N, C-alpha and C. Protein backbone atom coordinates (compact mmCIF):
# COMPACT_ATOMS: atom_id res chain seq x y z
N MET A 1 -1.96 -37.56 2.44
CA MET A 1 -2.17 -36.12 2.44
C MET A 1 -0.83 -35.38 2.49
N GLU A 2 0.18 -35.96 3.15
CA GLU A 2 1.48 -35.31 3.31
C GLU A 2 2.10 -34.95 1.97
N ASN A 3 2.07 -35.87 1.00
CA ASN A 3 2.73 -35.59 -0.27
C ASN A 3 1.91 -34.71 -1.20
N THR A 4 0.70 -34.31 -0.80
CA THR A 4 -0.06 -33.39 -1.64
C THR A 4 0.25 -31.93 -1.29
N ARG A 5 0.98 -31.71 -0.20
CA ARG A 5 1.36 -30.34 0.16
C ARG A 5 2.44 -29.85 -0.80
N PRO A 6 2.31 -28.64 -1.28
CA PRO A 6 3.35 -28.12 -2.17
C PRO A 6 4.66 -27.89 -1.42
N ARG A 7 5.75 -28.00 -2.12
CA ARG A 7 7.08 -27.81 -1.51
C ARG A 7 7.27 -26.38 -1.02
N TRP A 8 6.64 -25.43 -1.70
CA TRP A 8 6.84 -24.03 -1.35
C TRP A 8 6.12 -23.64 -0.07
N LEU A 9 5.26 -24.50 0.45
CA LEU A 9 4.51 -24.18 1.66
C LEU A 9 5.46 -23.88 2.83
N ALA A 10 6.48 -24.69 3.00
CA ALA A 10 7.43 -24.47 4.09
C ALA A 10 8.19 -23.16 3.88
N TRP A 11 8.59 -22.89 2.64
CA TRP A 11 9.34 -21.65 2.36
C TRP A 11 8.47 -20.42 2.59
N ALA A 12 7.23 -20.48 2.19
CA ALA A 12 6.31 -19.36 2.43
C ALA A 12 6.10 -19.17 3.93
N SER A 13 5.98 -20.26 4.65
CA SER A 13 5.80 -20.19 6.10
C SER A 13 7.02 -19.57 6.77
N ILE A 14 8.21 -19.93 6.31
CA ILE A 14 9.44 -19.35 6.86
C ILE A 14 9.49 -17.85 6.57
N ALA A 15 9.13 -17.46 5.35
CA ALA A 15 9.13 -16.04 5.00
C ALA A 15 8.16 -15.25 5.89
N LEU A 16 6.98 -15.82 6.14
CA LEU A 16 6.01 -15.14 7.01
C LEU A 16 6.49 -15.10 8.46
N LEU A 17 7.19 -16.13 8.88
CA LEU A 17 7.75 -16.11 10.23
C LEU A 17 8.81 -15.02 10.34
N LEU A 18 9.67 -14.90 9.35
CA LEU A 18 10.69 -13.84 9.38
C LEU A 18 10.05 -12.45 9.40
N TRP A 19 9.02 -12.25 8.59
CA TRP A 19 8.30 -10.97 8.58
C TRP A 19 7.76 -10.65 9.97
N ASN A 20 7.14 -11.64 10.60
CA ASN A 20 6.55 -11.42 11.92
C ASN A 20 7.61 -11.24 13.00
N LEU A 21 8.75 -11.90 12.86
CA LEU A 21 9.85 -11.69 13.81
C LEU A 21 10.40 -10.27 13.70
N LEU A 22 10.40 -9.72 12.49
CA LEU A 22 10.80 -8.31 12.33
C LEU A 22 9.83 -7.40 13.09
N GLY A 23 8.54 -7.70 12.98
CA GLY A 23 7.55 -6.93 13.71
C GLY A 23 7.73 -7.05 15.21
N LEU A 24 7.99 -8.25 15.68
CA LEU A 24 8.22 -8.48 17.11
C LEU A 24 9.46 -7.72 17.58
N GLY A 25 10.49 -7.73 16.76
CA GLY A 25 11.70 -6.96 17.07
C GLY A 25 11.41 -5.47 17.15
N SER A 26 10.58 -4.98 16.26
CA SER A 26 10.19 -3.57 16.28
C SER A 26 9.43 -3.23 17.57
N PHE A 27 8.54 -4.14 17.96
CA PHE A 27 7.79 -3.92 19.20
C PHE A 27 8.74 -3.84 20.39
N ILE A 28 9.65 -4.78 20.49
CA ILE A 28 10.61 -4.79 21.60
C ILE A 28 11.46 -3.52 21.59
N TYR A 29 11.91 -3.13 20.41
CA TYR A 29 12.69 -1.89 20.28
C TYR A 29 11.90 -0.69 20.80
N HIS A 30 10.66 -0.57 20.35
CA HIS A 30 9.86 0.60 20.71
C HIS A 30 9.49 0.64 22.19
N VAL A 31 9.17 -0.50 22.78
CA VAL A 31 8.78 -0.48 24.20
C VAL A 31 9.98 -0.29 25.12
N THR A 32 11.18 -0.47 24.60
CA THR A 32 12.37 -0.30 25.43
C THR A 32 13.09 1.02 25.18
N LEU A 33 12.53 1.87 24.33
CA LEU A 33 13.15 3.18 24.11
C LEU A 33 13.13 4.00 25.39
N THR A 34 14.25 4.57 25.70
CA THR A 34 14.34 5.44 26.88
C THR A 34 13.85 6.83 26.51
N PRO A 35 13.52 7.65 27.50
CA PRO A 35 13.14 9.04 27.20
C PRO A 35 14.21 9.78 26.41
N ASP A 36 15.49 9.53 26.71
CA ASP A 36 16.56 10.18 25.95
C ASP A 36 16.57 9.72 24.49
N ALA A 37 16.33 8.44 24.27
CA ALA A 37 16.28 7.91 22.90
C ALA A 37 15.10 8.50 22.15
N ILE A 38 13.96 8.64 22.81
CA ILE A 38 12.78 9.25 22.17
C ILE A 38 13.07 10.70 21.83
N ALA A 39 13.75 11.41 22.73
CA ALA A 39 14.08 12.83 22.49
C ALA A 39 15.00 13.01 21.29
N ALA A 40 15.76 11.97 20.95
CA ALA A 40 16.68 12.06 19.81
C ALA A 40 15.99 11.77 18.48
N LEU A 41 14.75 11.30 18.51
CA LEU A 41 14.01 10.99 17.28
C LEU A 41 13.55 12.27 16.60
N PRO A 42 13.26 12.21 15.30
CA PRO A 42 12.64 13.36 14.63
C PRO A 42 11.32 13.73 15.33
N ASP A 43 10.93 15.00 15.23
CA ASP A 43 9.75 15.51 15.93
C ASP A 43 8.50 14.66 15.69
N ILE A 44 8.24 14.28 14.45
CA ILE A 44 7.02 13.54 14.15
C ILE A 44 7.02 12.17 14.85
N GLN A 45 8.20 11.53 14.91
CA GLN A 45 8.28 10.24 15.59
C GLN A 45 8.16 10.41 17.10
N GLN A 46 8.69 11.50 17.62
CA GLN A 46 8.51 11.79 19.05
C GLN A 46 7.02 11.93 19.37
N ASP A 47 6.32 12.67 18.51
CA ASP A 47 4.88 12.86 18.73
C ASP A 47 4.13 11.54 18.66
N MET A 48 4.54 10.67 17.73
CA MET A 48 3.90 9.36 17.61
C MET A 48 4.14 8.53 18.87
N MET A 49 5.36 8.54 19.37
CA MET A 49 5.70 7.77 20.57
C MET A 49 5.01 8.34 21.80
N ASN A 50 5.09 9.65 21.95
CA ASN A 50 4.53 10.28 23.14
C ASN A 50 3.01 10.27 23.16
N GLY A 51 2.39 10.16 22.01
CA GLY A 51 0.93 10.13 21.93
C GLY A 51 0.34 8.74 22.07
N SER A 52 1.21 7.73 22.10
CA SER A 52 0.73 6.36 22.19
C SER A 52 0.11 6.09 23.56
N THR A 53 -1.07 5.48 23.52
CA THR A 53 -1.79 5.15 24.76
C THR A 53 -1.62 3.65 25.05
N ALA A 54 -2.18 3.23 26.16
CA ALA A 54 -2.14 1.80 26.49
C ALA A 54 -2.78 0.98 25.38
N ARG A 55 -3.87 1.51 24.81
CA ARG A 55 -4.56 0.82 23.71
C ARG A 55 -3.59 0.55 22.56
N THR A 56 -2.78 1.55 22.22
CA THR A 56 -1.84 1.42 21.11
C THR A 56 -0.79 0.36 21.42
N TRP A 57 -0.24 0.41 22.63
CA TRP A 57 0.82 -0.54 23.00
C TRP A 57 0.28 -1.97 23.12
N ILE A 58 -0.90 -2.11 23.67
CA ILE A 58 -1.50 -3.45 23.78
C ILE A 58 -1.78 -4.01 22.38
N ALA A 59 -2.30 -3.16 21.50
CA ALA A 59 -2.56 -3.60 20.13
C ALA A 59 -1.25 -3.97 19.41
N PHE A 60 -0.22 -3.17 19.60
CA PHE A 60 1.09 -3.43 18.98
C PHE A 60 1.62 -4.78 19.46
N GLY A 61 1.57 -5.02 20.75
CA GLY A 61 2.04 -6.29 21.30
C GLY A 61 1.20 -7.46 20.82
N THR A 62 -0.11 -7.29 20.82
CA THR A 62 -1.00 -8.36 20.36
C THR A 62 -0.76 -8.68 18.89
N ALA A 63 -0.59 -7.64 18.08
CA ALA A 63 -0.35 -7.84 16.65
C ALA A 63 0.94 -8.60 16.39
N THR A 64 2.01 -8.21 17.07
CA THR A 64 3.31 -8.82 16.78
C THR A 64 3.47 -10.19 17.43
N VAL A 65 3.05 -10.34 18.67
CA VAL A 65 3.13 -11.65 19.32
C VAL A 65 2.16 -12.62 18.64
N GLY A 66 0.94 -12.16 18.39
CA GLY A 66 -0.05 -13.00 17.72
C GLY A 66 0.40 -13.42 16.33
N GLY A 67 0.94 -12.48 15.57
CA GLY A 67 1.42 -12.80 14.23
C GLY A 67 2.58 -13.78 14.24
N THR A 68 3.48 -13.61 15.20
CA THR A 68 4.62 -14.53 15.31
C THR A 68 4.16 -15.93 15.70
N LEU A 69 3.25 -16.01 16.67
CA LEU A 69 2.71 -17.33 17.05
C LEU A 69 1.95 -17.97 15.89
N ALA A 70 1.21 -17.16 15.15
CA ALA A 70 0.48 -17.69 13.99
C ALA A 70 1.44 -18.21 12.93
N ALA A 71 2.53 -17.48 12.70
CA ALA A 71 3.51 -17.92 11.71
C ALA A 71 4.19 -19.22 12.14
N ILE A 72 4.45 -19.35 13.44
CA ILE A 72 5.02 -20.60 13.96
C ILE A 72 4.00 -21.73 13.75
N ALA A 73 2.73 -21.46 14.05
CA ALA A 73 1.69 -22.46 13.83
C ALA A 73 1.61 -22.85 12.35
N LEU A 74 1.75 -21.89 11.48
CA LEU A 74 1.72 -22.17 10.04
C LEU A 74 2.90 -23.06 9.66
N LEU A 75 4.06 -22.76 10.19
CA LEU A 75 5.25 -23.56 9.91
C LEU A 75 5.07 -25.00 10.42
N LEU A 76 4.34 -25.13 11.54
CA LEU A 76 4.05 -26.46 12.09
C LEU A 76 2.82 -27.10 11.43
N ARG A 77 2.23 -26.39 10.46
CA ARG A 77 1.06 -26.83 9.69
C ARG A 77 -0.17 -27.04 10.57
N LYS A 78 -0.40 -26.09 11.47
CA LYS A 78 -1.53 -26.17 12.38
C LYS A 78 -2.66 -25.25 11.92
N ARG A 79 -3.88 -25.75 11.97
CA ARG A 79 -5.06 -24.99 11.53
C ARG A 79 -5.29 -23.73 12.35
N TRP A 80 -4.86 -23.73 13.59
CA TRP A 80 -5.11 -22.58 14.44
C TRP A 80 -4.27 -21.37 14.06
N ALA A 81 -3.48 -21.49 13.03
CA ALA A 81 -2.75 -20.33 12.51
C ALA A 81 -3.73 -19.27 12.01
N ALA A 82 -4.81 -19.69 11.35
CA ALA A 82 -5.77 -18.74 10.77
C ALA A 82 -6.41 -17.84 11.83
N PRO A 83 -6.98 -18.37 12.91
CA PRO A 83 -7.56 -17.45 13.90
C PRO A 83 -6.53 -16.55 14.56
N LEU A 84 -5.30 -17.04 14.74
CA LEU A 84 -4.25 -16.17 15.30
C LEU A 84 -3.90 -15.05 14.34
N PHE A 85 -3.83 -15.35 13.05
CA PHE A 85 -3.56 -14.30 12.07
C PHE A 85 -4.71 -13.27 12.07
N LEU A 86 -5.93 -13.72 12.24
CA LEU A 86 -7.06 -12.80 12.29
C LEU A 86 -6.95 -11.89 13.51
N ILE A 87 -6.63 -12.45 14.66
CA ILE A 87 -6.45 -11.63 15.87
C ILE A 87 -5.34 -10.61 15.65
N SER A 88 -4.25 -11.03 15.04
CA SER A 88 -3.14 -10.13 14.75
C SER A 88 -3.59 -9.01 13.80
N LEU A 89 -4.34 -9.35 12.77
CA LEU A 89 -4.83 -8.35 11.82
C LEU A 89 -5.74 -7.33 12.50
N ILE A 90 -6.64 -7.80 13.33
CA ILE A 90 -7.52 -6.88 14.06
C ILE A 90 -6.70 -5.95 14.94
N ALA A 91 -5.68 -6.50 15.60
CA ALA A 91 -4.82 -5.68 16.45
C ALA A 91 -4.05 -4.64 15.63
N VAL A 92 -3.61 -5.01 14.44
CA VAL A 92 -2.93 -4.06 13.55
C VAL A 92 -3.87 -2.89 13.23
N ILE A 93 -5.11 -3.21 12.91
CA ILE A 93 -6.09 -2.17 12.58
C ILE A 93 -6.33 -1.27 13.78
N VAL A 94 -6.47 -1.86 14.96
CA VAL A 94 -6.66 -1.06 16.18
C VAL A 94 -5.45 -0.17 16.42
N GLN A 95 -4.26 -0.73 16.27
CA GLN A 95 -3.03 0.03 16.51
C GLN A 95 -2.92 1.23 15.58
N PHE A 96 -3.14 1.01 14.31
CA PHE A 96 -2.88 2.06 13.33
C PHE A 96 -4.08 2.99 13.09
N THR A 97 -5.16 2.78 13.80
CA THR A 97 -6.26 3.74 13.74
C THR A 97 -6.36 4.51 15.04
N ALA A 98 -5.29 4.51 15.81
CA ALA A 98 -5.25 5.30 17.05
C ALA A 98 -5.44 6.77 16.70
N PRO A 99 -6.25 7.48 17.48
CA PRO A 99 -6.55 8.88 17.16
C PRO A 99 -5.33 9.77 16.96
N HIS A 100 -4.29 9.59 17.77
CA HIS A 100 -3.12 10.47 17.61
C HIS A 100 -2.40 10.22 16.28
N LEU A 101 -2.41 8.98 15.80
CA LEU A 101 -1.78 8.69 14.51
C LEU A 101 -2.60 9.27 13.36
N ILE A 102 -3.90 9.14 13.46
CA ILE A 102 -4.78 9.71 12.43
C ILE A 102 -4.62 11.23 12.40
N ASP A 103 -4.52 11.85 13.56
CA ASP A 103 -4.34 13.30 13.64
C ASP A 103 -3.02 13.72 13.02
N ILE A 104 -1.94 13.02 13.35
CA ILE A 104 -0.63 13.35 12.77
C ILE A 104 -0.66 13.18 11.26
N ALA A 105 -1.25 12.09 10.80
CA ALA A 105 -1.33 11.84 9.35
C ALA A 105 -2.14 12.92 8.66
N ALA A 106 -3.28 13.28 9.23
CA ALA A 106 -4.17 14.24 8.59
C ALA A 106 -3.60 15.66 8.60
N ASN A 107 -2.91 16.01 9.65
CA ASN A 107 -2.48 17.40 9.81
C ASN A 107 -1.01 17.66 9.51
N ARG A 108 -0.21 16.60 9.41
CA ARG A 108 1.22 16.85 9.23
C ARG A 108 1.85 16.07 8.08
N ASP A 109 1.59 14.76 8.01
CA ASP A 109 2.27 13.96 7.00
C ASP A 109 1.53 12.66 6.76
N MET A 110 0.74 12.62 5.72
CA MET A 110 -0.05 11.44 5.39
C MET A 110 0.83 10.24 5.06
N SER A 111 2.07 10.49 4.65
CA SER A 111 2.95 9.38 4.25
C SER A 111 3.31 8.46 5.42
N ILE A 112 3.08 8.91 6.67
CA ILE A 112 3.38 8.02 7.80
C ILE A 112 2.48 6.80 7.81
N MET A 113 1.40 6.83 7.04
CA MET A 113 0.47 5.71 7.03
C MET A 113 0.79 4.68 5.94
N ALA A 114 1.83 4.92 5.13
CA ALA A 114 2.16 3.99 4.04
C ALA A 114 2.62 2.63 4.58
N PHE A 115 3.56 2.63 5.50
CA PHE A 115 4.05 1.35 6.02
C PHE A 115 2.98 0.64 6.84
N PRO A 116 2.22 1.34 7.70
CA PRO A 116 1.11 0.66 8.37
C PRO A 116 0.11 0.03 7.39
N ALA A 117 -0.12 0.68 6.25
CA ALA A 117 -1.02 0.10 5.26
C ALA A 117 -0.43 -1.19 4.70
N LEU A 118 0.87 -1.19 4.44
CA LEU A 118 1.54 -2.41 3.97
C LEU A 118 1.43 -3.52 5.01
N ILE A 119 1.63 -3.17 6.28
CA ILE A 119 1.54 -4.16 7.36
C ILE A 119 0.13 -4.76 7.39
N ALA A 120 -0.89 -3.93 7.24
CA ALA A 120 -2.27 -4.42 7.24
C ALA A 120 -2.53 -5.33 6.04
N VAL A 121 -2.01 -4.98 4.88
CA VAL A 121 -2.19 -5.80 3.68
C VAL A 121 -1.51 -7.16 3.88
N VAL A 122 -0.28 -7.16 4.39
CA VAL A 122 0.41 -8.42 4.63
C VAL A 122 -0.37 -9.24 5.66
N GLY A 123 -0.89 -8.60 6.70
CA GLY A 123 -1.69 -9.31 7.70
C GLY A 123 -2.92 -9.96 7.09
N ALA A 124 -3.58 -9.24 6.19
CA ALA A 124 -4.76 -9.81 5.53
C ALA A 124 -4.37 -10.98 4.64
N VAL A 125 -3.25 -10.86 3.94
CA VAL A 125 -2.78 -11.94 3.08
C VAL A 125 -2.42 -13.17 3.91
N GLU A 126 -1.74 -12.95 5.04
CA GLU A 126 -1.39 -14.08 5.92
C GLU A 126 -2.65 -14.83 6.36
N TRP A 127 -3.64 -14.08 6.78
CA TRP A 127 -4.89 -14.68 7.24
C TRP A 127 -5.57 -15.46 6.12
N MET A 128 -5.67 -14.84 4.94
CA MET A 128 -6.33 -15.51 3.81
C MET A 128 -5.57 -16.76 3.36
N LEU A 129 -4.24 -16.69 3.37
CA LEU A 129 -3.45 -17.87 3.01
C LEU A 129 -3.68 -19.00 4.00
N ALA A 130 -3.67 -18.66 5.30
CA ALA A 130 -3.89 -19.70 6.31
C ALA A 130 -5.27 -20.34 6.14
N LEU A 131 -6.28 -19.52 5.86
CA LEU A 131 -7.62 -20.07 5.63
C LEU A 131 -7.63 -20.99 4.41
N ARG A 132 -7.02 -20.53 3.33
CA ARG A 132 -6.99 -21.32 2.10
C ARG A 132 -6.22 -22.62 2.29
N TRP A 133 -5.09 -22.54 2.98
CA TRP A 133 -4.27 -23.73 3.18
C TRP A 133 -4.98 -24.73 4.10
N ALA A 134 -5.71 -24.21 5.09
CA ALA A 134 -6.48 -25.11 5.97
C ALA A 134 -7.58 -25.81 5.16
N LYS A 135 -8.27 -25.03 4.32
CA LYS A 135 -9.34 -25.60 3.49
C LYS A 135 -8.80 -26.65 2.52
N ALA A 136 -7.57 -26.43 2.04
CA ALA A 136 -6.96 -27.39 1.11
C ALA A 136 -6.47 -28.65 1.81
N GLY A 137 -6.54 -28.64 3.15
CA GLY A 137 -6.09 -29.81 3.90
C GLY A 137 -4.60 -29.84 4.17
N TRP A 138 -3.92 -28.72 3.93
CA TRP A 138 -2.47 -28.67 4.15
C TRP A 138 -2.12 -28.39 5.60
N LEU A 139 -3.11 -27.94 6.37
CA LEU A 139 -2.91 -27.68 7.79
C LEU A 139 -3.77 -28.67 8.57
N ILE A 140 -3.27 -29.12 9.69
CA ILE A 140 -4.02 -30.10 10.49
C ILE A 140 -4.40 -29.51 11.85
């Protein structure tokens, strides 16, 4: 079974790990922002930060930690990458459907939802790839 795995599987896994590490870095950056650093942000970003609730922060952490662990599992060729990617995707959806973000998008600038939409699409692709790779027998 080992030699039936495509060579690009490891490279794709590394790319997904790097993507998720960027997300984890963003989470760490955002949770460590000081009030002075938040005050220096543009108004819309200040509103996004100040409007974030525990639900938003828990979802952000779950999405990034879960995605990073899933990517590591994928790199190790473990089947449990798929359920972790699903948990991460659900957390992304919870995070980016927070009422204050929807309100800011609807009333001030819809373009703030472009990158979250990309993150959700990548999350869905990660999950589907892990499912497909597990079904193909490339994950154990």
